Amino acid sequence: CVSVSTSIDYISQNTTVNETEHVILFCNSTGNPSPNITWKFLDNSTKVTFGEHLSLQRVNRSQAGTYRCTANNGGPSHAWAEVHVQVNCKSVKIPGVAFNVN
């Protein structure tokens, strides 16, 4: 069996989403054996999930930041890439007035 080090072939582009919307981030990798993918939210070092996609439902401002996709196939090296998610504040509408909640 020939081992091939891991590489990230594709990661989602940096994205902006409005508060309470959904966003799906993608990360594809190659290697032999096939790599396992882990997503981590770098702002608090929380391991978020395993797999090629990360689904963020009803996002809020605390989820804004950088997410790292790491591919590891058990070999001596691993590959990683990062994507930044910006979350716009939800607008509040009052008749005759519009402003953003901070």
PDB file of N, CA and C in Angstrom:
ATOM      1  N   CYS A   1       0.849  -1.181   0.000  1.00  0.00           N
ATOM      2  CA  CYS A   1       0.000   0.000   0.000  1.00  0.00           C
ATOM      3  C   CYS A   1       0.892   1.240   0.000  1.00  0.00           C
ATOM      4  N   VAL A   2       0.638   2.145  -0.906  1.00  0.00           N
ATOM      5  CA  VAL A   2       1.407   3.374  -1.006  1.00  0.00           C
ATOM      6  C   VAL A   2       0.659   4.490  -0.281  1.00  0.00           C
ATOM      7  N   SER A   3       1.342   5.163   0.639  1.00  0.00           N
ATOM      8  CA  SER A   3       0.736   6.291   1.341  1.00  0.00           C
ATOM      9  C   SER A   3       0.998   7.575   0.574  1.00  0.00           C
ATOM     10  N   VAL A   4      -0.037   8.399   0.469  1.00  0.00           N
ATOM     11  CA  VAL A   4       0.078   9.700  -0.173  1.00  0.00           C
ATOM     12  C   VAL A   4      -0.348  10.734   0.859  1.00  0.00           C
ATOM     13  N   SER A   5       0.507  11.740   1.085  1.00  0.00           N
ATOM     14  CA  SER A   5       0.170  12.748   2.089  1.00  0.00           C
ATOM     15  C   SER A   5      -1.106  13.482   1.697  1.00  0.00           C
ATOM     16  N   THR A   6      -1.743  14.050   2.700  1.00  0.00           N
ATOM     17  CA  THR A   6      -3.017  14.732   2.468  1.00  0.00           C
ATOM     18  C   THR A   6      -2.814  16.111   1.854  1.00  0.00           C
ATOM     19  N   SER A   7      -3.825  16.555   1.136  1.00  0.00           N
ATOM     20  CA  SER A   7      -3.851  17.926   0.623  1.00  0.00           C
ATOM     21  C   SER A   7      -5.299  18.392   0.588  1.00  0.00           C
ATOM     22  N   ILE A   8      -5.466  19.700   0.737  1.00  0.00           N
ATOM     23  CA  ILE A   8      -6.792  20.304   0.617  1.00  0.00           C
ATOM     24  C   ILE A   8      -6.976  20.704  -0.837  1.00  0.00           C
ATOM     25  N   ASP A   9      -7.976  20.143  -1.482  1.00  0.00           N
ATOM     26  CA  ASP A   9      -8.254  20.448  -2.884  1.00  0.00           C
ATOM     27  C   ASP A   9      -9.174  21.654  -3.049  1.00  0.00           C
ATOM     28  N   TYR A  10     -10.078  21.840  -2.086  1.00  0.00           N
ATOM     29  CA  TYR A  10     -11.039  22.940  -2.183  1.00  0.00           C
ATOM     30  C   TYR A  10     -11.530  23.303  -0.790  1.00  0.00           C
ATOM     31  N   ILE A  11     -11.676  24.602  -0.536  1.00  0.00           N
ATOM     32  CA  ILE A  11     -12.369  25.083   0.665  1.00  0.00           C
ATOM     33  C   ILE A  11     -13.246  26.251   0.233  1.00  0.00           C
ATOM     34  N   SER A  12     -14.371  26.401   0.894  1.00  0.00           N
ATOM     35  CA  SER A  12     -15.274  27.512   0.583  1.00  0.00           C
ATOM     36  C   SER A  12     -14.545  28.839   0.685  1.00  0.00           C
ATOM     37  N   GLN A  13     -15.036  29.810  -0.069  1.00  0.00           N
ATOM     38  CA  GLN A  13     -14.488  31.164   0.008  1.00  0.00           C
ATOM     39  C   GLN A  13     -15.008  31.838   1.270  1.00  0.00           C
ATOM     40  N   ASN A  14     -14.287  32.877   1.707  1.00  0.00           N
ATOM     41  CA  ASN A  14     -14.781  33.683   2.821  1.00  0.00           C
ATOM     42  C   ASN A  14     -16.192  34.126   2.483  1.00  0.00           C
ATOM     43  N   THR A  15     -17.051  34.174   3.496  1.00  0.00           N
ATOM     44  CA  THR A  15     -18.454  34.454   3.227  1.00  0.00           C
ATOM     45  C   THR A  15     -19.034  35.404   4.261  1.00  0.00           C
ATOM     46  N   THR A  16     -20.063  36.116   3.844  1.00  0.00           N
ATOM     47  CA  THR A  16     -20.821  36.997   4.729  1.00  0.00           C
ATOM     48  C   THR A  16     -22.258  36.507   4.746  1.00  0.00           C
ATOM     49  N   VAL A  17     -22.823  36.404   5.930  1.00  0.00           N
ATOM     50  CA  VAL A  17     -24.187  35.913   6.083  1.00  0.00           C
ATOM     51  C   VAL A  17     -24.908  36.835   7.063  1.00  0.00           C
ATOM     52  N   ASN A  18     -26.208  36.972   6.898  1.00  0.00           N
ATOM     53  CA  ASN A  18     -27.006  37.766   7.818  1.00  0.00           C
ATOM     54  C   ASN A  18     -27.382  36.929   9.035  1.00  0.00           C
ATOM     55  N   GLU A  19     -27.438  37.574  10.174  1.00  0.00           N
ATOM     56  CA  GLU A  19     -27.821  36.899  11.406  1.00  0.00           C
ATOM     57  C   GLU A  19     -29.140  36.161  11.205  1.00  0.00           C
ATOM     58  N   THR A  20     -29.256  34.962  11.736  1.00  0.00           N
ATOM     59  CA  THR A  20     -30.380  34.012  11.679  1.00  0.00           C
ATOM     60  C   THR A  20     -30.455  33.229  10.368  1.00  0.00           C
ATOM     61  N   GLU A  21     -29.581  33.513   9.399  1.00  0.00           N
ATOM     62  CA  GLU A  21     -29.549  32.720   8.168  1.00  0.00           C
ATOM     63  C   GLU A  21     -28.686  31.479   8.371  1.00  0.00           C
ATOM     64  N   HIS A  22     -28.625  30.632   7.356  1.00  0.00           N
ATOM     65  CA  HIS A  22     -27.848  29.400   7.389  1.00  0.00           C
ATOM     66  C   HIS A  22     -26.682  29.521   6.414  1.00  0.00           C
ATOM     67  N   VAL A  23     -25.578  28.833   6.725  1.00  0.00           N
ATOM     68  CA  VAL A  23     -24.443  28.792   5.812  1.00  0.00           C
ATOM     69  C   VAL A  23     -23.828  27.396   5.882  1.00  0.00           C
ATOM     70  N   ILE A  24     -23.391  26.890   4.728  1.00  0.00           N
ATOM     71  CA  ILE A  24     -22.703  25.601   4.666  1.00  0.00           C
ATOM     72  C   ILE A  24     -21.315  25.838   4.096  1.00  0.00           C
ATOM     73  N   LEU A  25     -20.290  25.393   4.826  1.00  0.00           N
ATOM     74  CA  LEU A  25     -18.903  25.497   4.388  1.00  0.00           C
ATOM     75  C   LEU A  25     -18.451  24.128   3.895  1.00  0.00           C
ATOM     76  N   PHE A  26     -17.647  24.108   2.821  1.00  0.00           N
ATOM     77  CA  PHE A  26     -17.172  22.858   2.238  1.00  0.00           C
ATOM     78  C   PHE A  26     -15.655  22.787   2.290  1.00  0.00           C
ATOM     79  N   CYS A  27     -15.140  21.566   2.446  1.00  0.00           N
ATOM     80  CA  CYS A  27     -13.700  21.319   2.429  1.00  0.00           C
ATOM     81  C   CYS A  27     -13.478  19.925   1.849  1.00  0.00           C
ATOM     82  N   ASN A  28     -12.774  19.857   0.730  1.00  0.00           N
ATOM     83  CA  ASN A  28     -12.482  18.571   0.100  1.00  0.00           C
ATOM     84  C   ASN A  28     -10.985  18.325   0.161  1.00  0.00           C
ATOM     85  N   SER A  29     -10.605  17.071   0.380  1.00  0.00           N
ATOM     86  CA  SER A  29      -9.190  16.724   0.473  1.00  0.00           C
ATOM     87  C   SER A  29      -8.925  15.391  -0.212  1.00  0.00           C
ATOM     88  N   THR A  30      -7.645  15.160  -0.483  1.00  0.00           N
ATOM     89  CA  THR A  30      -7.222  13.879  -1.047  1.00  0.00           C
ATOM     90  C   THR A  30      -6.031  13.359  -0.258  1.00  0.00           C
ATOM     91  N   GLY A  31      -5.794  12.077  -0.393  1.00  0.00           N
ATOM     92  CA  GLY A  31      -4.679  11.403   0.254  1.00  0.00           C
ATOM     93  C   GLY A  31      -4.948   9.908   0.250  1.00  0.00           C
ATOM     94  N   ASN A  32      -3.932   9.135   0.584  1.00  0.00           N
ATOM     95  CA  ASN A  32      -4.089   7.691   0.669  1.00  0.00           C
ATOM     96  C   ASN A  32      -3.362   7.216   1.927  1.00  0.00           C
ATOM     97  N   PRO A  33      -4.093   6.664   2.891  1.00  0.00           N
ATOM     98  CA  PRO A  33      -5.546   6.431   2.896  1.00  0.00           C
ATOM     99  C   PRO A  33      -6.330   7.746   2.906  1.00  0.00           C
ATOM    100  N   SER A  34      -7.632   7.622   2.619  1.00  0.00           N
ATOM    101  CA  SER A  34      -8.495   8.810   2.569  1.00  0.00           C
ATOM    102  C   SER A  34      -8.449   9.553   3.895  1.00  0.00           C
ATOM    103  N   PRO A  35      -8.261  10.870   3.841  1.00  0.00           N
ATOM    104  CA  PRO A  35      -8.155  11.652   5.080  1.00  0.00           C
ATOM    105  C   PRO A  35      -9.494  11.835   5.788  1.00  0.00           C
ATOM    106  N   ASN A  36      -9.414  11.992   7.090  1.00  0.00           N
ATOM    107  CA  ASN A  36     -10.553  12.421   7.897  1.00  0.00           C
ATOM    108  C   ASN A  36     -10.477  13.940   7.997  1.00  0.00           C
ATOM    109  N   ILE A  37     -11.634  14.586   7.934  1.00  0.00           N
ATOM    110  CA  ILE A  37     -11.685  16.045   7.992  1.00  0.00           C
ATOM    111  C   ILE A  37     -12.317  16.475   9.304  1.00  0.00           C
ATOM    112  N   THR A  38     -11.663  17.436   9.957  1.00  0.00           N
ATOM    113  CA  THR A  38     -12.160  18.032  11.192  1.00  0.00           C
ATOM    114  C   THR A  38     -12.291  19.533  10.994  1.00  0.00           C
ATOM    115  N   TRP A  39     -13.396  20.095  11.456  1.00  0.00           N
ATOM    116  CA  TRP A  39     -13.600  21.544  11.437  1.00  0.00           C
ATOM    117  C   TRP A  39     -13.414  22.070  12.850  1.00  0.00           C
ATOM    118  N   LYS A  40     -12.721  23.206  12.975  1.00  0.00           N
ATOM    119  CA  LYS A  40     -12.518  23.837  14.275  1.00  0.00           C
ATOM    120  C   LYS A  40     -12.801  25.324  14.145  1.00  0.00           C
ATOM    121  N   PHE A  41     -13.510  25.881  15.122  1.00  0.00           N
ATOM    122  CA  PHE A  41     -13.765  27.315  15.189  1.00  0.00           C
ATOM    123  C   PHE A  41     -12.599  27.929  15.948  1.00  0.00           C
ATOM    124  N   LEU A  42     -11.758  28.708  15.259  1.00  0.00           N
ATOM    125  CA  LEU A  42     -10.504  29.176  15.849  1.00  0.00           C
ATOM    126  C   LEU A  42     -10.690  30.228  16.925  1.00  0.00           C
ATOM    127  N   ASP A  43     -11.796  30.942  16.922  1.00  0.00           N
ATOM    128  CA  ASP A  43     -11.979  31.995  17.914  1.00  0.00           C
ATOM    129  C   ASP A  43     -12.058  31.449  19.340  1.00  0.00           C
ATOM    130  N   ASN A  44     -12.459  30.195  19.499  1.00  0.00           N
ATOM    131  CA  ASN A  44     -12.466  29.603  20.840  1.00  0.00           C
ATOM    132  C   ASN A  44     -11.932  28.170  20.840  1.00  0.00           C
ATOM    133  N   SER A  45     -11.289  27.755  19.749  1.00  0.00           N
ATOM    134  CA  SER A  45     -10.651  26.436  19.609  1.00  0.00           C
ATOM    135  C   SER A  45     -11.615  25.266  19.802  1.00  0.00           C
ATOM    136  N   THR A  46     -12.879  25.491  19.555  1.00  0.00           N
ATOM    137  CA  THR A  46     -13.864  24.425  19.680  1.00  0.00           C
ATOM    138  C   THR A  46     -13.842  23.551  18.439  1.00  0.00           C
ATOM    139  N   LYS A  47     -13.734  22.215  18.644  1.00  0.00           N
ATOM    140  CA  LYS A  47     -13.921  21.300  17.523  1.00  0.00           C
ATOM    141  C   LYS A  47     -15.405  21.300  17.208  1.00  0.00           C
ATOM    142  N   VAL A  48     -15.702  21.632  15.981  1.00  0.00           N
ATOM    143  CA  VAL A  48     -17.095  21.805  15.616  1.00  0.00           C
ATOM    144  C   VAL A  48     -17.707  20.499  15.121  1.00  0.00           C
ATOM    145  N   THR A  49     -17.081  19.874  14.132  1.00  0.00           N
ATOM    146  CA  THR A  49     -17.676  18.682  13.542  1.00  0.00           C
ATOM    147  C   THR A  49     -16.649  17.944  12.692  1.00  0.00           C
ATOM    148  N   PHE A  50     -17.009  16.761  12.264  1.00  0.00           N
ATOM    149  CA  PHE A  50     -16.198  15.955  11.354  1.00  0.00           C
ATOM    150  C   PHE A  50     -16.940  15.848  10.026  1.00  0.00           C
ATOM    151  N   GLY A  51     -16.208  15.846   8.927  1.00  0.00           N
ATOM    152  CA  GLY A  51     -16.815  15.661   7.619  1.00  0.00           C
ATOM    153  C   GLY A  51     -16.490  16.795   6.670  1.00  0.00           C
ATOM    154  N   GLU A  52     -16.834  16.588   5.405  1.00  0.00           N
ATOM    155  CA  GLU A  52     -16.480  17.536   4.354  1.00  0.00           C
ATOM    156  C   GLU A  52     -17.257  18.835   4.418  1.00  0.00           C
ATOM    157  N   HIS A  53     -18.396  18.860   5.081  1.00  0.00           N
ATOM    158  CA  HIS A  53     -19.147  20.104   5.153  1.00  0.00           C
ATOM    159  C   HIS A  53     -19.464  20.446   6.602  1.00  0.00           C
ATOM    160  N   LEU A  54     -19.566  21.742   6.822  1.00  0.00           N
ATOM    161  CA  LEU A  54     -19.927  22.275   8.129  1.00  0.00           C
ATOM    162  C   LEU A  54     -21.161  23.131   7.928  1.00  0.00           C
ATOM    163  N   SER A  55     -22.243  22.766   8.576  1.00  0.00           N
ATOM    164  CA  SER A  55     -23.503  23.482   8.439  1.00  0.00           C
ATOM    165  C   SER A  55     -23.739  24.327   9.687  1.00  0.00           C
ATOM    166  N   LEU A  56     -23.855  25.624   9.489  1.00  0.00           N
ATOM    167  CA  LEU A  56     -24.149  26.545  10.586  1.00  0.00           C
ATOM    168  C   LEU A  56     -25.590  27.019  10.416  1.00  0.00           C
ATOM    169  N   GLN A  57     -26.437  26.659  11.370  1.00  0.00           N
ATOM    170  CA  GLN A  57     -27.859  26.982  11.292  1.00  0.00           C
ATOM    171  C   GLN A  57     -28.168  28.204  12.136  1.00  0.00           C
ATOM    172  N   ARG A  58     -29.023  29.078  11.627  1.00  0.00           N
ATOM    173  CA  ARG A  58     -29.464  30.272  12.354  1.00  0.00           C
ATOM    174  C   ARG A  58     -28.286  30.955  13.048  1.00  0.00           C
ATOM    175  N   VAL A  59     -27.309  31.361  12.243  1.00  0.00           N
ATOM    176  CA  VAL A  59     -26.074  31.920  12.790  1.00  0.00           C
ATOM    177  C   VAL A  59     -26.332  33.176  13.611  1.00  0.00           C
ATOM    178  N   ASN A  60     -25.440  33.400  14.557  1.00  0.00           N
ATOM    179  CA  ASN A  60     -25.476  34.629  15.339  1.00  0.00           C
ATOM    180  C   ASN A  60     -24.067  35.203  15.371  1.00  0.00           C
ATOM    181  N   ARG A  61     -23.929  36.384  15.933  1.00  0.00           N
ATOM    182  CA  ARG A  61     -22.643  37.082  15.897  1.00  0.00           C
ATOM    183  C   ARG A  61     -21.529  36.321  16.609  1.00  0.00           C
ATOM    184  N   SER A  62     -21.870  35.478  17.581  1.00  0.00           N
ATOM    185  CA  SER A  62     -20.824  34.717  18.281  1.00  0.00           C
ATOM    186  C   SER A  62     -20.190  33.657  17.377  1.00  0.00           C
ATOM    187  N   GLN A  63     -20.805  33.366  16.229  1.00  0.00           N
ATOM    188  CA  GLN A  63     -20.259  32.392  15.284  1.00  0.00           C
ATOM    189  C   GLN A  63     -19.427  33.042  14.188  1.00  0.00           C
ATOM    190  N   ALA A  64     -19.303  34.359  14.223  1.00  0.00           N
ATOM    191  CA  ALA A  64     -18.461  35.057  13.261  1.00  0.00           C
ATOM    192  C   ALA A  64     -17.005  34.798  13.611  1.00  0.00           C
ATOM    193  N   GLY A  65     -16.194  34.542  12.584  1.00  0.00           N
ATOM    194  CA  GLY A  65     -14.769  34.317  12.812  1.00  0.00           C
ATOM    195  C   GLY A  65     -14.194  33.351  11.804  1.00  0.00           C
ATOM    196  N   THR A  66     -13.067  32.754  12.167  1.00  0.00           N
ATOM    197  CA  THR A  66     -12.330  31.890  11.257  1.00  0.00           C
ATOM    198  C   THR A  66     -12.543  30.422  11.627  1.00  0.00           C
ATOM    199  N   TYR A  67     -12.824  29.621  10.607  1.00  0.00           N
ATOM    200  CA  TYR A  67     -13.007  28.181  10.759  1.00  0.00           C
ATOM    201  C   TYR A  67     -11.881  27.474  10.021  1.00  0.00           C
ATOM    202  N   ARG A  68     -11.276  26.474  10.658  1.00  0.00           N
ATOM    203  CA  ARG A  68     -10.177  25.725  10.051  1.00  0.00           C
ATOM    204  C   ARG A  68     -10.629  24.301   9.739  1.00  0.00           C
ATOM    205  N   CYS A  69     -10.373  23.915   8.496  1.00  0.00           N
ATOM    206  CA  CYS A  69     -10.589  22.549   8.039  1.00  0.00           C
ATOM    207  C   CYS A  69      -9.230  21.854   8.077  1.00  0.00           C
ATOM    208  N   THR A  70      -9.144  20.738   8.776  1.00  0.00           N
ATOM    209  CA  THR A  70      -7.899  19.966   8.858  1.00  0.00           C
ATOM    210  C   THR A  70      -8.146  18.566   8.304  1.00  0.00           C
ATOM    211  N   ALA A  71      -7.280  18.146   7.381  1.00  0.00           N
ATOM    212  CA  ALA A  71      -7.365  16.802   6.794  1.00  0.00           C
ATOM    213  C   ALA A  71      -6.175  15.992   7.304  1.00  0.00           C
ATOM    214  N   ASN A  72      -6.461  14.797   7.827  1.00  0.00           N
ATOM    215  CA  ASN A  72      -5.417  13.949   8.395  1.00  0.00           C
ATOM    216  C   ASN A  72      -5.721  12.496   8.038  1.00  0.00           C
ATOM    217  N   ASN A  73      -4.730  11.809   7.486  1.00  0.00           N
ATOM    218  CA  ASN A  73      -4.935  10.396   7.153  1.00  0.00           C
ATOM    219  C   ASN A  73      -4.066   9.476   8.007  1.00  0.00           C
ATOM    220  N   GLY A  74      -3.626   9.993   9.158  1.00  0.00           N
ATOM    221  CA  GLY A  74      -2.842   9.172  10.072  1.00  0.00           C
ATOM    222  C   GLY A  74      -1.362   9.164   9.769  1.00  0.00           C
ATOM    223  N   GLY A  75      -0.958   9.810   8.699  1.00  0.00           N
ATOM    224  CA  GLY A  75       0.453   9.883   8.338  1.00  0.00           C
ATOM    225  C   GLY A  75       1.149  10.983   9.116  1.00  0.00           C
ATOM    226  N   PRO A  76       2.417  11.210   8.797  1.00  0.00           N
ATOM    227  CA  PRO A  76       3.194  12.195   9.549  1.00  0.00           C
ATOM    228  C   PRO A  76       2.799  13.645   9.269  1.00  0.00           C
ATOM    229  N   SER A  77       2.089  13.892   8.187  1.00  0.00           N
ATOM    230  CA  SER A  77       1.720  15.277   7.883  1.00  0.00           C
ATOM    231  C   SER A  77       0.210  15.396   7.726  1.00  0.00           C
ATOM    232  N   HIS A  78      -0.278  16.598   7.890  1.00  0.00           N
ATOM    233  CA  HIS A  78      -1.688  16.884   7.659  1.00  0.00           C
ATOM    234  C   HIS A  78      -1.783  18.202   6.900  1.00  0.00           C
ATOM    235  N   ALA A  79      -2.946  18.465   6.343  1.00  0.00           N
ATOM    236  CA  ALA A  79      -3.163  19.699   5.584  1.00  0.00           C
ATOM    237  C   ALA A  79      -4.309  20.456   6.233  1.00  0.00           C
ATOM    238  N   TRP A  80      -4.258  21.768   6.128  1.00  0.00           N
ATOM    239  CA  TRP A  80      -5.352  22.570   6.654  1.00  0.00           C
ATOM    240  C   TRP A  80      -5.536  23.826   5.808  1.00  0.00           C
ATOM    241  N   ALA A  81      -6.741  24.362   5.891  1.00  0.00           N
ATOM    242  CA  ALA A  81      -7.082  25.611   5.208  1.00  0.00           C
ATOM    243  C   ALA A  81      -8.137  26.309   6.058  1.00  0.00           C
ATOM    244  N   GLU A  82      -8.259  27.616   5.870  1.00  0.00           N
ATOM    245  CA  GLU A  82      -9.171  28.399   6.699  1.00  0.00           C
ATOM    246  C   GLU A  82     -10.144  29.202   5.856  1.00  0.00           C
ATOM    247  N   VAL A  83     -11.318  29.428   6.436  1.00  0.00           N
ATOM    248  CA  VAL A  83     -12.343  30.257   5.809  1.00  0.00           C
ATOM    249  C   VAL A  83     -12.911  31.172   6.894  1.00  0.00           C
ATOM    250  N   HIS A  84     -13.191  32.414   6.508  1.00  0.00           N
ATOM    251  CA  HIS A  84     -13.707  33.395   7.468  1.00  0.00           C
ATOM    252  C   HIS A  84     -15.197  33.623   7.210  1.00  0.00           C
ATOM    253  N   VAL A  85     -15.966  33.627   8.285  1.00  0.00           N
ATOM    254  CA  VAL A  85     -17.400  33.897   8.208  1.00  0.00           C
ATOM    255  C   VAL A  85     -17.678  35.215   8.927  1.00  0.00           C
ATOM    256  N   GLN A  86     -18.279  36.139   8.191  1.00  0.00           N
ATOM    257  CA  GLN A  86     -18.696  37.414   8.770  1.00  0.00           C
ATOM    258  C   GLN A  86     -20.210  37.368   8.934  1.00  0.00           C
ATOM    259  N   VAL A  87     -20.697  37.805  10.085  1.00  0.00           N
ATOM    260  CA  VAL A  87     -22.132  37.796  10.346  1.00  0.00           C
ATOM    261  C   VAL A  87     -22.611  39.230  10.496  1.00  0.00           C
ATOM    262  N   ASN A  88     -23.514  39.630   9.599  1.00  0.00           N
ATOM    263  CA  ASN A  88     -24.110  40.965   9.684  1.00  0.00           C
ATOM    264  C   ASN A  88     -25.203  40.958  10.735  1.00  0.00           C
ATOM    265  N   CYS A  89     -25.286  42.053  11.478  1.00  0.00           N
ATOM    266  CA  CYS A  89     -26.322  42.184  12.505  1.00  0.00           C
ATOM    267  C   CYS A  89     -27.698  42.194  11.862  1.00  0.00           C
ATOM    268  N   LYS A  90     -28.642  41.642  12.582  1.00  0.00           N
ATOM    269  CA  LYS A  90     -30.014  41.634  12.092  1.00  0.00           C
ATOM    270  C   LYS A  90     -30.596  43.035  12.205  1.00  0.00           C
ATOM    271  N   SER A  91     -31.229  43.479  11.152  1.00  0.00           N
ATOM    272  CA  SER A  91     -31.855  44.798  11.157  1.00  0.00           C
ATOM    273  C   SER A  91     -33.159  44.755  11.939  1.00  0.00           C
ATOM    274  N   VAL A  92     -33.405  45.823  12.658  1.00  0.00           N
ATOM    275  CA  VAL A  92     -34.666  45.973  13.377  1.00  0.00           C
ATOM    276  C   VAL A  92     -35.445  47.080  12.683  1.00  0.00           C
ATOM    277  N   LYS A  93     -36.686  46.798  12.353  1.00  0.00           N
ATOM    278  CA  LYS A  93     -37.498  47.783  11.644  1.00  0.00           C
ATOM    279  C   LYS A  93     -38.573  48.353  12.572  1.00  0.00           C
ATOM    280  N   ILE A  94     -38.518  49.642  12.672  1.00  0.00           N
ATOM    281  CA  ILE A  94     -39.533  50.396  13.409  1.00  0.00           C
ATOM    282  C   ILE A  94     -40.144  51.344  12.388  1.00  0.00           C
ATOM    283  N   PRO A  95     -41.444  51.452  12.353  1.00  0.00           N
ATOM    284  CA  PRO A  95     -42.065  52.323  11.338  1.00  0.00           C
ATOM    285  C   PRO A  95     -41.383  53.685  11.285  1.00  0.00           C
ATOM    286  N   GLY A  96     -40.842  54.027  10.110  1.00  0.00           N
ATOM    287  CA  GLY A  96     -40.209  55.303   9.896  1.00  0.00           C
ATOM    288  C   GLY A  96     -38.734  55.353  10.284  1.00  0.00           C
ATOM    289  N   VAL A  97     -38.213  54.295  10.954  1.00  0.00           N
ATOM    290  CA  VAL A  97     -36.823  54.278  11.417  1.00  0.00           C
ATOM    291  C   VAL A  97     -36.222  52.913  11.112  1.00  0.00           C
ATOM    292  N   ALA A  98     -34.957  52.893  10.692  1.00  0.00           N
ATOM    293  CA  ALA A  98     -34.255  51.626  10.494  1.00  0.00           C
ATOM    294  C   ALA A  98     -32.865  51.756  11.087  1.00  0.00           C
ATOM    295  N   PHE A  99     -32.439  50.784  11.878  1.00  0.00           N
ATOM    296  CA  PHE A  99     -31.092  50.782  12.445  1.00  0.00           C
ATOM    297  C   PHE A  99     -30.691  49.338  12.709  1.00  0.00           C
ATOM    298  N   ASN A 100     -29.394  49.138  12.928  1.00  0.00           N
ATOM    299  CA  ASN A 100     -28.885  47.807  13.249  1.00  0.00           C
ATOM    300  C   ASN A 100     -28.696  47.667  14.744  1.00  0.00           C
ATOM    301  N   VAL A 101     -28.993  46.483  15.257  1.00  0.00           N
ATOM    302  CA  VAL A 101     -28.800  46.191  16.669  1.00  0.00           C
ATOM    303  C   VAL A 101     -27.334  45.863  16.890  1.00  0.00           C
ATOM    304  N   ASN A 102     -26.695  46.450  17.879  1.00  0.00           N
ATOM    305  CA  ASN A 102     -25.289  46.177  18.189  1.00  0.00           C
ATOM    306  C   ASN A 102     -25.138  45.314  19.381  1.00  0.00           C
TER     307      ASN A 102
END
